[in-house]
C-alpha atoms as a PDB file:
ATOM      1  CA  MET A   1      -0.009  -0.004   0.182  1.00  0.00           C
ATOM      2  CA  LYS A   2       2.743   2.266   0.700  1.00  0.00           C
ATOM      3  CA  HIS A   3       3.728   1.853  -3.034  1.00  0.00           C
ATOM      4  CA  TRP A   4       0.646   3.515  -4.140  1.00  0.00           C
ATOM      5  CA  THR A   5       0.775   6.589  -1.901  1.00  0.00           C
ATOM      6  CA  ARG A   6       4.243   7.125  -3.668  1.00  0.00           C
ATOM      7  CA  ILE A   7       2.395   7.538  -7.047  1.00  0.00           C
ATOM      8  CA  PRO A   8       0.123  10.566  -6.181  1.00  0.00           C
ATOM      9  CA  VAL A   9       2.975  12.191  -4.270  1.00  0.00           C
ATOM     10  CA  GLY A  10       5.425  12.038  -7.139  1.00  0.00           C
ATOM     11  CA  PHE A  11       2.763  13.139  -9.631  1.00  0.00           C
ATOM     12  CA  LEU A  12       2.069  15.985  -7.604  1.00  0.00           C
ATOM     13  CA  ALA A  13       5.982  16.943  -7.140  1.00  0.00           C
ATOM     14  CA  GLY A  14       6.295  16.512 -11.022  1.00  0.00           C
ATOM     15  CA  THR A  15       3.460  18.801 -11.799  1.00  0.00           C
ATOM     16  CA  LEU A  16       4.712  21.474  -9.369  1.00  0.00           C
ATOM     17  CA  MET A  17       8.277  21.051 -11.215  1.00  0.00           C
ATOM     18  CA  PHE A  18       6.702  21.785 -14.525  1.00  0.00           C
ATOM     19  CA  ALA A  19       4.610  24.567 -13.285  1.00  0.00           C
ATOM     20  CA  PHE A  20       7.635  26.512 -11.878  1.00  0.00           C
ATOM     21  CA  ALA A  21      10.073  25.695 -14.867  1.00  0.00           C
ATOM     22  CA  GLY A  22       7.311  27.056 -17.092  1.00  0.00           C
ATOM     23  CA  LYS A  23       7.386  30.448 -15.015  1.00  0.00           C
ATOM     24  CA  ALA A  24      11.105  30.233 -14.909  1.00  0.00           C
ATOM     25  CA  LEU A  25      11.364  30.029 -18.654  1.00  0.00           C
ATOM     26  CA  ALA A  26       8.813  32.871 -19.289  1.00  0.00           C
ATOM     27  CA  GLN A  27      11.149  35.200 -17.243  1.00  0.00           C
ATOM     28  CA  GLU A  28      14.353  33.684 -18.976  1.00  0.00           C
ATOM     29  CA  LYS A  29      12.422  34.781 -22.387  1.00  0.00           C
ATOM     30  CA  ALA A  30      11.307  38.181 -21.190  1.00  0.00           C
ATOM     31  CA  LYS A  31      14.770  39.120 -20.068  1.00  0.00           C
ATOM     32  CA  ALA A  32      16.270  37.709 -23.486  1.00  0.00           C
ATOM     33  CA  ASP A  33      13.719  40.194 -25.411  1.00  0.00           C
ATOM     34  CA  LYS A  34      14.807  42.921 -23.580  1.00  0.00           C
ATOM     35  CA  PRO A  35      18.026  43.611 -25.769  1.00  0.00           C
ATOM     36  CA  THR A  36      16.037  43.119 -28.458  1.00  0.00           C
ATOM     37  CA  ALA A  37      13.726  45.855 -27.588  1.00  0.00           C
ATOM     38  CA  MET A  38      16.580  48.317 -26.884  1.00  0.00           C
ATOM     39  CA  ALA A  39      18.266  47.542 -30.094  1.00  0.00           C
ATOM     40  CA  ALA A  40      14.806  48.173 -31.794  1.00  0.00           C
ATOM     41  CA  GLN A  41      15.232  51.646 -30.467  1.00  0.00           C
ATOM     42  CA  GLU A  42      18.759  52.507 -32.019  1.00  0.00           C
ATOM     43  CA  LYS A  43      18.935  52.583 -35.674  1.00  0.00           C
ATOM     44  CA  ILE A  44      21.365  49.919 -36.765  1.00  0.00           C
ATOM     45  CA  ALA A  45      22.358  50.261 -40.247  1.00  0.00           C
ATOM     46  CA  PRO A  46      22.033  47.167 -42.407  1.00  0.00           C
ATOM     47  CA  PRO A  47      25.142  45.397 -43.391  1.00  0.00           C
ATOM     48  CA  GLY A  48      26.520  46.717 -46.806  1.00  0.00           C
ATOM     49  CA  PRO A  49      27.225  44.439 -49.832  1.00  0.00           C
ATOM     50  CA  VAL A  50      30.259  42.450 -50.490  1.00  0.00           C
ATOM     51  CA  LEU A  51      32.118  43.983 -53.551  1.00  0.00           C
ATOM     52  CA  PHE A  52      35.015  41.466 -53.829  1.00  0.00           C
ATOM     53  CA  GLU A  53      36.398  38.598 -51.530  1.00  0.00           C
ATOM     54  CA  ASN A  54      39.381  36.326 -51.660  1.00  0.00           C
ATOM     55  CA  ASP A  55      41.432  34.295 -49.072  1.00  0.00           C
ATOM     56  CA  LYS A  56      43.406  37.615 -48.261  1.00  0.00           C
ATOM     57  CA  VAL A  57      40.762  40.378 -48.379  1.00  0.00           C
ATOM     58  CA  ARG A  58      36.965  41.180 -48.100  1.00  0.00           C
ATOM     59  CA  VAL A  59      35.710  44.420 -49.806  1.00  0.00           C
ATOM     60  CA  THR A  60      32.340  45.919 -48.378  1.00  0.00           C
ATOM     61  CA  GLU A  61      30.497  48.968 -49.387  1.00  0.00           C
ATOM     62  CA  THR A  62      28.889  50.660 -46.246  1.00  0.00           C
ATOM     63  CA  ARG A  63      26.357  53.207 -46.049  1.00  0.00           C
ATOM     64  CA  ILE A  64      25.439  54.992 -42.428  1.00  0.00           C
ATOM     65  CA  LYS A  65      22.342  57.534 -42.405  1.00  0.00           C
ATOM     66  CA  PRO A  66      22.425  60.468 -40.255  1.00  0.00           C
ATOM     67  CA  GLY A  67      21.519  58.806 -36.575  1.00  0.00           C
ATOM     68  CA  GLU A  68      22.334  55.223 -37.572  1.00  0.00           C
ATOM     69  CA  ARG A  69      25.124  52.951 -36.333  1.00  0.00           C
ATOM     70  CA  ASN A  70      26.548  49.865 -37.212  1.00  0.00           C
ATOM     71  CA  GLU A  71      26.656  46.770 -34.979  1.00  0.00           C
ATOM     72  CA  MET A  72      29.308  46.738 -32.231  1.00  0.00           C
ATOM     73  CA  LYS A  73      31.585  43.800 -32.941  1.00  0.00           C
ATOM     74  CA  MET A  74      34.943  42.390 -33.486  1.00  0.00           C
ATOM     75  CA  ARG A  75      36.510  43.726 -36.801  1.00  0.00           C
ATOM     76  CA  ASN A  76      39.761  42.794 -38.564  1.00  0.00           C
ATOM     77  CA  ASP A  77      42.492  45.177 -39.620  1.00  0.00           C
ATOM     78  CA  ARG A  78      40.874  47.310 -42.232  1.00  0.00           C
ATOM     79  CA  VAL A  79      41.389  50.179 -44.426  1.00  0.00           C
ATOM     80  CA  ASN A  80      38.610  52.394 -44.771  1.00  0.00           C
ATOM     81  CA  VAL A  81      38.040  54.471 -48.009  1.00  0.00           C
ATOM     82  CA  TYR A  82      35.518  57.431 -47.603  1.00  0.00           C
ATOM     83  CA  ILE A  83      33.342  58.498 -50.741  1.00  0.00           C
ATOM     84  CA  THR A  84      31.403  60.809 -48.997  1.00  0.00           C
ATOM     85  CA  PRO A  85      32.247  63.575 -46.687  1.00  0.00           C
ATOM     86  CA  ALA A  86      30.354  62.915 -43.000  1.00  0.00           C
ATOM     87  CA  LYS A  87      30.775  63.224 -39.229  1.00  0.00           C
ATOM     88  CA  GLN A  88      31.337  59.853 -37.321  1.00  0.00           C
ATOM     89  CA  ARG A  89      31.692  58.847 -33.973  1.00  0.00           C
ATOM     90  CA  VAL A  90      33.358  55.527 -33.288  1.00  0.00           C
ATOM     91  CA  HIS A  91      32.373  53.370 -29.976  1.00  0.00           C
ATOM     92  CA  TYR A  92      34.778  51.173 -28.720  1.00  0.00           C
ATOM     93  CA  GLY A  93      34.419  47.976 -26.813  1.00  0.00           C
ATOM     94  CA  ASP A  94      35.992  49.334 -23.497  1.00  0.00           C
ATOM     95  CA  GLY A  95      33.562  52.603 -23.666  1.00  0.00           C
ATOM     96  CA  ARG A  96      35.977  54.916 -25.239  1.00  0.00           C
ATOM     97  CA  THR A  97      34.411  57.136 -28.340  1.00  0.00           C
ATOM     98  CA  GLU A  98      36.385  58.972 -31.042  1.00  0.00           C
ATOM     99  CA  ASP A  99      34.671  61.785 -33.258  1.00  0.00           C
ATOM    100  CA  PHE A 100      36.098  62.661 -36.379  1.00  0.00           C
ATOM    101  CA  ASN A 101      35.262  63.942 -39.881  1.00  0.00           C
ATOM    102  CA  GLN A 102      35.526  61.779 -42.888  1.00  0.00           C
ATOM    103  CA  GLU A 103      36.670  63.838 -46.171  1.00  0.00           C
ATOM    104  CA  ALA A 104      35.618  62.513 -49.486  1.00  0.00           C
ATOM    105  CA  GLY A 105      38.404  60.813 -50.997  1.00  0.00           C
ATOM    106  CA  SER A 106      40.281  60.190 -47.574  1.00  0.00           C
ATOM    107  CA  ILE A 107      41.610  56.724 -46.219  1.00  0.00           C
ATOM    108  CA  ARG A 108      41.600  55.631 -42.447  1.00  0.00           C
ATOM    109  CA  VAL A 109      43.565  52.584 -41.227  1.00  0.00           C
ATOM    110  CA  ASN A 110      41.980  50.986 -38.451  1.00  0.00           C
ATOM    111  CA  LYS A 111      43.821  48.160 -36.386  1.00  0.00           C
ATOM    112  CA  ALA A 112      41.389  45.126 -35.235  1.00  0.00           C
ATOM    113  CA  GLY A 113      39.180  45.487 -32.358  1.00  0.00           C
ATOM    114  CA  ILE A 114      35.253  46.092 -31.309  1.00  0.00           C
ATOM    115  CA  SER A 115      33.711  48.861 -32.401  1.00  0.00           C
ATOM    116  CA  SER A 116      30.618  50.258 -33.783  1.00  0.00           C
ATOM    117  CA  THR A 117      30.583  53.488 -35.909  1.00  0.00           C
ATOM    118  CA  GLU A 118      27.772  56.306 -35.591  1.00  0.00           C
ATOM    119  CA  ASN A 119      26.793  58.847 -37.937  1.00  0.00           C
ATOM    120  CA  ILE A 120      26.547  61.921 -35.970  1.00  0.00           C
ATOM    121  CA  GLY A 121      26.433  64.046 -39.183  1.00  0.00           C
ATOM    122  CA  THR A 122      23.611  65.290 -41.234  1.00  0.00           C
ATOM    123  CA  THR A 123      24.664  63.531 -44.400  1.00  0.00           C
ATOM    124  CA  GLU A 124      24.808  59.846 -45.171  1.00  0.00           C
ATOM    125  CA  SER A 125      28.283  58.270 -44.922  1.00  0.00           C
ATOM    126  CA  HIS A 126      29.406  56.171 -47.959  1.00  0.00           C
ATOM    127  CA  SER A 127      32.624  54.236 -47.708  1.00  0.00           C
ATOM    128  CA  VAL A 128      34.246  51.024 -48.984  1.00  0.00           C
ATOM    129  CA  ILE A 129      35.957  49.083 -46.364  1.00  0.00           C
ATOM    130  CA  VAL A 130      38.866  46.730 -47.140  1.00  0.00           C
ATOM    131  CA  ASN A 131      39.088  43.926 -44.449  1.00  0.00           C
ATOM    132  CA  LEU A 132      42.470  42.228 -44.111  1.00  0.00           C
ATOM    133  CA  LYS A 133      41.806  38.388 -43.252  1.00  0.00           C
END
């Protein structure tokens, strides 16, 4: 008879565990959705097309509208060739920022690191980036 009383107790314990696990998973999902909501408030520029790629370099075109920024990520050593003038702010992974004016036809060499570039000017930024592999 003791065996039969264990079945309802086990069923009750399993039901309670399932109920609390569902609530915990819902809370975790809500936490995971918060960064997405925050990212939706920021204007993230879409990645530009790849113009050329081989085993040594990857060449992309980038356009960032005023108020937009590209995503914060690890970037390789690269050379930026600016097509149009614009005012930029670079956000680094360690929290530093750097403002600069890009002039049409100018070139900027960047070392590898975590960064994001924001267009803080009034005109669209257009550049070609040669990423070294």
